[in-house]
Amino acid sequence: MFCHFLGILQNFFHWKFMIFAIGSLMNTQAPTYNINASKYYHLPHAVLFQSSHLESPTISVVQALFLMTFYLCLSN
């Protein structure tokens, strides 16, 4: 039961910080290269690629990867 809860929490972690990264990037009052957006992007990136999420991906992992590509397209 606890492992299942931990998996749900990790999926929420990916989404939450990718939304924060995109939101920080879209902030018009912040400088063009927002360091907070970069920090929010690198947190779920590190978690996804350090664990075995990519060996057996779920829908939420694929959606988090989509948000990562969306962030990268916006940041260039």
Protein backbone atom coordinates (compact mmCIF):
# COMPACT_ATOMS: atom_id res chain seq x y z
CA MET A 1 0.00 0.00 0.00
CA PHE A 2 2.75 2.44 0.91
CA CYS A 3 4.68 1.66 -2.31
CA HIS A 4 1.56 2.38 -4.36
CA PHE A 5 1.12 5.71 -2.58
CA LEU A 6 4.79 6.52 -3.19
CA GLY A 7 4.34 5.85 -6.93
CA ILE A 8 1.36 8.19 -7.08
CA LEU A 9 3.31 10.83 -5.19
CA GLN A 10 6.23 10.58 -7.62
CA ASN A 11 3.88 10.99 -10.59
CA PHE A 12 2.40 14.06 -8.95
CA PHE A 13 5.94 15.35 -8.34
CA HIS A 14 6.76 15.16 -12.07
CA TRP A 15 3.64 17.02 -13.09
CA LYS A 16 3.80 19.63 -10.38
CA PHE A 17 7.33 20.76 -11.03
CA MET A 18 6.95 20.70 -14.81
CA ILE A 19 3.90 22.96 -14.48
CA PHE A 20 5.94 25.22 -12.19
CA ALA A 21 8.76 25.30 -14.78
CA ILE A 22 6.45 26.23 -17.64
CA GLY A 23 4.66 28.80 -15.47
CA SER A 24 7.95 30.36 -14.42
CA LEU A 25 9.08 30.46 -18.02
CA MET A 26 5.88 32.23 -19.09
CA ASN A 27 6.16 34.85 -16.33
CA THR A 28 6.36 38.19 -18.14
CA GLN A 29 7.69 40.03 -15.10
CA ALA A 30 10.75 37.77 -14.80
CA PRO A 31 13.91 38.09 -16.91
CA THR A 32 14.15 36.28 -20.23
CA TYR A 33 16.23 33.42 -18.86
CA ASN A 34 14.49 32.58 -15.61
CA ILE A 35 16.74 30.58 -13.28
CA ASN A 36 13.72 29.35 -11.28
CA ALA A 37 12.23 27.78 -14.41
CA SER A 38 15.48 25.95 -15.01
CA LYS A 39 15.56 24.66 -11.44
CA TYR A 40 11.95 23.47 -11.66
CA TYR A 41 12.77 21.69 -14.93
CA HIS A 42 15.85 19.88 -13.64
CA LEU A 43 14.16 18.40 -10.55
CA PRO A 44 11.69 16.08 -12.35
CA HIS A 45 14.25 15.48 -15.09
CA ALA A 46 16.67 14.07 -12.53
CA VAL A 47 14.00 11.94 -10.88
CA LEU A 48 12.76 10.50 -14.16
CA PHE A 49 16.16 9.57 -15.49
CA GLN A 50 17.63 8.28 -12.20
CA SER A 51 14.85 5.79 -11.57
CA SER A 52 13.34 2.97 -13.58
CA HIS A 53 10.34 4.97 -14.79
CA LEU A 54 11.48 4.80 -18.39
CA GLU A 55 11.75 1.00 -18.38
CA SER A 56 8.04 0.61 -17.67
CA PRO A 57 6.47 3.99 -18.38
CA THR A 58 2.99 4.92 -17.30
CA ILE A 59 0.68 7.50 -18.85
CA SER A 60 1.79 10.12 -16.34
CA VAL A 61 5.48 9.53 -17.16
CA VAL A 62 4.77 9.99 -20.86
CA GLN A 63 2.80 13.14 -20.09
CA ALA A 64 5.68 14.45 -17.97
CA LEU A 65 8.06 13.79 -20.87
CA PHE A 66 5.67 15.70 -23.14
CA LEU A 67 5.71 18.64 -20.72
CA MET A 68 9.51 18.49 -20.71
CA THR A 69 9.64 18.75 -24.50
CA PHE A 70 7.10 21.59 -24.36
CA TYR A 71 9.33 23.41 -21.86
CA LEU A 72 12.39 22.88 -24.04
CA CYS A 73 10.57 24.25 -27.10
CA LEU A 74 9.49 27.33 -25.17
CA SER A 75 12.89 27.95 -23.61
CA ASN A 76 14.77 28.22 -26.92
